Amino acid sequence: MVVASDRHGMVRCRVIPSDEGEVIVAQYEGYCVKCREKRTFEGNVVELKNGRKAAQGSCPVCGTKMNRILGKDA
């Protein structure tokens, strides 16, 4: 497991071997609006309409969609 920190929290990455090669799954720390707590979620990196990158996933407790805006170098 690779752990890297940014100024807003920790980002953990796991490499999962599969038949088609290795898949990198990243865990991000974000705020769940429904639970009103910070949670660690597994997310995919997506590009928003304005060109910024964000991690998108679901809360492991309640299943609500969570977003975390990433830095420009992500």
C-alpha atoms as a PDB file:
ATOM      1  CA  MET A   1       0.000   0.000   0.000  1.00  0.00           C
ATOM      2  CA  VAL A   2       1.304   3.432  -0.909  1.00  0.00           C
ATOM      3  CA  VAL A   3       0.380   6.309   1.381  1.00  0.00           C
ATOM      4  CA  ALA A   4       0.785   9.891   0.239  1.00  0.00           C
ATOM      5  CA  SER A   5      -0.435  12.967   1.993  1.00  0.00           C
ATOM      6  CA  ASP A   6      -1.587  16.249   0.625  1.00  0.00           C
ATOM      7  CA  ARG A   7      -2.502  19.332   2.581  1.00  0.00           C
ATOM      8  CA  HIS A   8      -6.121  18.223   3.032  1.00  0.00           C
ATOM      9  CA  GLY A   9      -5.712  14.607   4.094  1.00  0.00           C
ATOM     10  CA  MET A  10      -4.315  11.196   3.317  1.00  0.00           C
ATOM     11  CA  VAL A  11      -4.635   9.347   0.033  1.00  0.00           C
ATOM     12  CA  ARG A  12      -4.050   5.602   0.077  1.00  0.00           C
ATOM     13  CA  CYS A  13      -3.517   3.542  -3.054  1.00  0.00           C
ATOM     14  CA  ARG A  14      -3.737  -0.236  -3.374  1.00  0.00           C
ATOM     15  CA  VAL A  15      -2.579  -2.240  -6.372  1.00  0.00           C
ATOM     16  CA  ILE A  16      -4.944  -5.116  -7.085  1.00  0.00           C
ATOM     17  CA  PRO A  17      -3.663  -7.785  -9.487  1.00  0.00           C
ATOM     18  CA  SER A  18      -6.161  -9.002 -12.067  1.00  0.00           C
ATOM     19  CA  ASP A  19      -6.168 -11.028 -15.283  1.00  0.00           C
ATOM     20  CA  GLU A  20      -5.854  -7.908 -17.457  1.00  0.00           C
ATOM     21  CA  GLY A  21      -3.001  -6.383 -15.427  1.00  0.00           C
ATOM     22  CA  GLU A  22      -2.798  -4.413 -12.237  1.00  0.00           C
ATOM     23  CA  VAL A  23      -5.595  -2.074 -11.216  1.00  0.00           C
ATOM     24  CA  ILE A  24      -4.881   0.840  -8.893  1.00  0.00           C
ATOM     25  CA  VAL A  25      -7.645   1.628  -6.411  1.00  0.00           C
ATOM     26  CA  ALA A  26      -7.233   4.848  -4.452  1.00  0.00           C
ATOM     27  CA  GLN A  27      -8.839   5.634  -1.135  1.00  0.00           C
ATOM     28  CA  TYR A  28      -9.646   9.246  -0.401  1.00  0.00           C
ATOM     29  CA  GLU A  29     -10.819  11.035   2.692  1.00  0.00           C
ATOM     30  CA  GLY A  30     -13.907  13.164   2.165  1.00  0.00           C
ATOM     31  CA  TYR A  31     -16.920  14.572   3.961  1.00  0.00           C
ATOM     32  CA  CYS A  32     -20.209  12.676   3.796  1.00  0.00           C
ATOM     33  CA  VAL A  33     -23.074  15.167   3.819  1.00  0.00           C
ATOM     34  CA  LYS A  34     -25.634  12.598   4.950  1.00  0.00           C
ATOM     35  CA  CYS A  35     -23.569  11.136   7.832  1.00  0.00           C
ATOM     36  CA  ARG A  36     -22.020  14.538   8.647  1.00  0.00           C
ATOM     37  CA  GLU A  37     -18.620  12.918   9.203  1.00  0.00           C
ATOM     38  CA  LYS A  38     -15.325  12.511   7.388  1.00  0.00           C
ATOM     39  CA  ARG A  39     -15.102   9.082   5.788  1.00  0.00           C
ATOM     40  CA  THR A  40     -12.531   7.190   3.751  1.00  0.00           C
ATOM     41  CA  PHE A  41     -13.949   6.065   0.403  1.00  0.00           C
ATOM     42  CA  GLU A  42     -12.630   4.287  -2.676  1.00  0.00           C
ATOM     43  CA  GLY A  43     -13.025   6.459  -5.716  1.00  0.00           C
ATOM     44  CA  ASN A  44     -12.324   6.942  -9.375  1.00  0.00           C
ATOM     45  CA  VAL A  45     -10.729  10.089 -10.776  1.00  0.00           C
ATOM     46  CA  VAL A  46     -13.093  12.021 -13.061  1.00  0.00           C
ATOM     47  CA  GLU A  47     -12.818  15.363 -14.831  1.00  0.00           C
ATOM     48  CA  LEU A  48     -15.392  18.008 -13.993  1.00  0.00           C
ATOM     49  CA  LYS A  49     -16.965  20.429 -16.500  1.00  0.00           C
ATOM     50  CA  ASN A  50     -14.522  23.174 -15.602  1.00  0.00           C
ATOM     51  CA  GLY A  51     -11.504  20.928 -16.246  1.00  0.00           C
ATOM     52  CA  ARG A  52     -10.613  20.195 -12.616  1.00  0.00           C
ATOM     53  CA  LYS A  53     -10.093  16.622 -11.462  1.00  0.00           C
ATOM     54  CA  ALA A  54     -12.113  15.079  -8.653  1.00  0.00           C
ATOM     55  CA  ALA A  55     -12.412  11.726  -6.915  1.00  0.00           C
ATOM     56  CA  GLN A  56     -15.903  10.279  -6.995  1.00  0.00           C
ATOM     57  CA  GLY A  57     -17.166   7.362  -4.964  1.00  0.00           C
ATOM     58  CA  SER A  58     -19.771   6.351  -2.435  1.00  0.00           C
ATOM     59  CA  CYS A  59     -19.846   6.474   1.351  1.00  0.00           C
ATOM     60  CA  PRO A  60     -19.055   3.040   2.827  1.00  0.00           C
ATOM     61  CA  VAL A  61     -21.671   3.504   5.582  1.00  0.00           C
ATOM     62  CA  CYS A  62     -24.754   5.030   3.929  1.00  0.00           C
ATOM     63  CA  GLY A  63     -23.979   4.741   0.194  1.00  0.00           C
ATOM     64  CA  THR A  64     -24.355   8.452  -0.591  1.00  0.00           C
ATOM     65  CA  LYS A  65     -22.293   9.764  -3.501  1.00  0.00           C
ATOM     66  CA  MET A  66     -19.119  11.526  -2.298  1.00  0.00           C
ATOM     67  CA  ASN A  67     -16.829  13.897  -4.172  1.00  0.00           C
ATOM     68  CA  ARG A  68     -13.412  15.283  -3.404  1.00  0.00           C
ATOM     69  CA  ILE A  69     -11.774  17.911  -5.580  1.00  0.00           C
ATOM     70  CA  LEU A  70      -8.130  17.042  -6.245  1.00  0.00           C
ATOM     71  CA  GLY A  71      -5.161  19.295  -6.855  1.00  0.00           C
ATOM     72  CA  LYS A  72      -4.030  20.384 -10.296  1.00  0.00           C
ATOM     73  CA  ASP A  73      -1.169  17.880 -10.362  1.00  0.00           C
ATOM     74  CA  ALA A  74      -3.441  14.844  -9.817  1.00  0.00           C
END
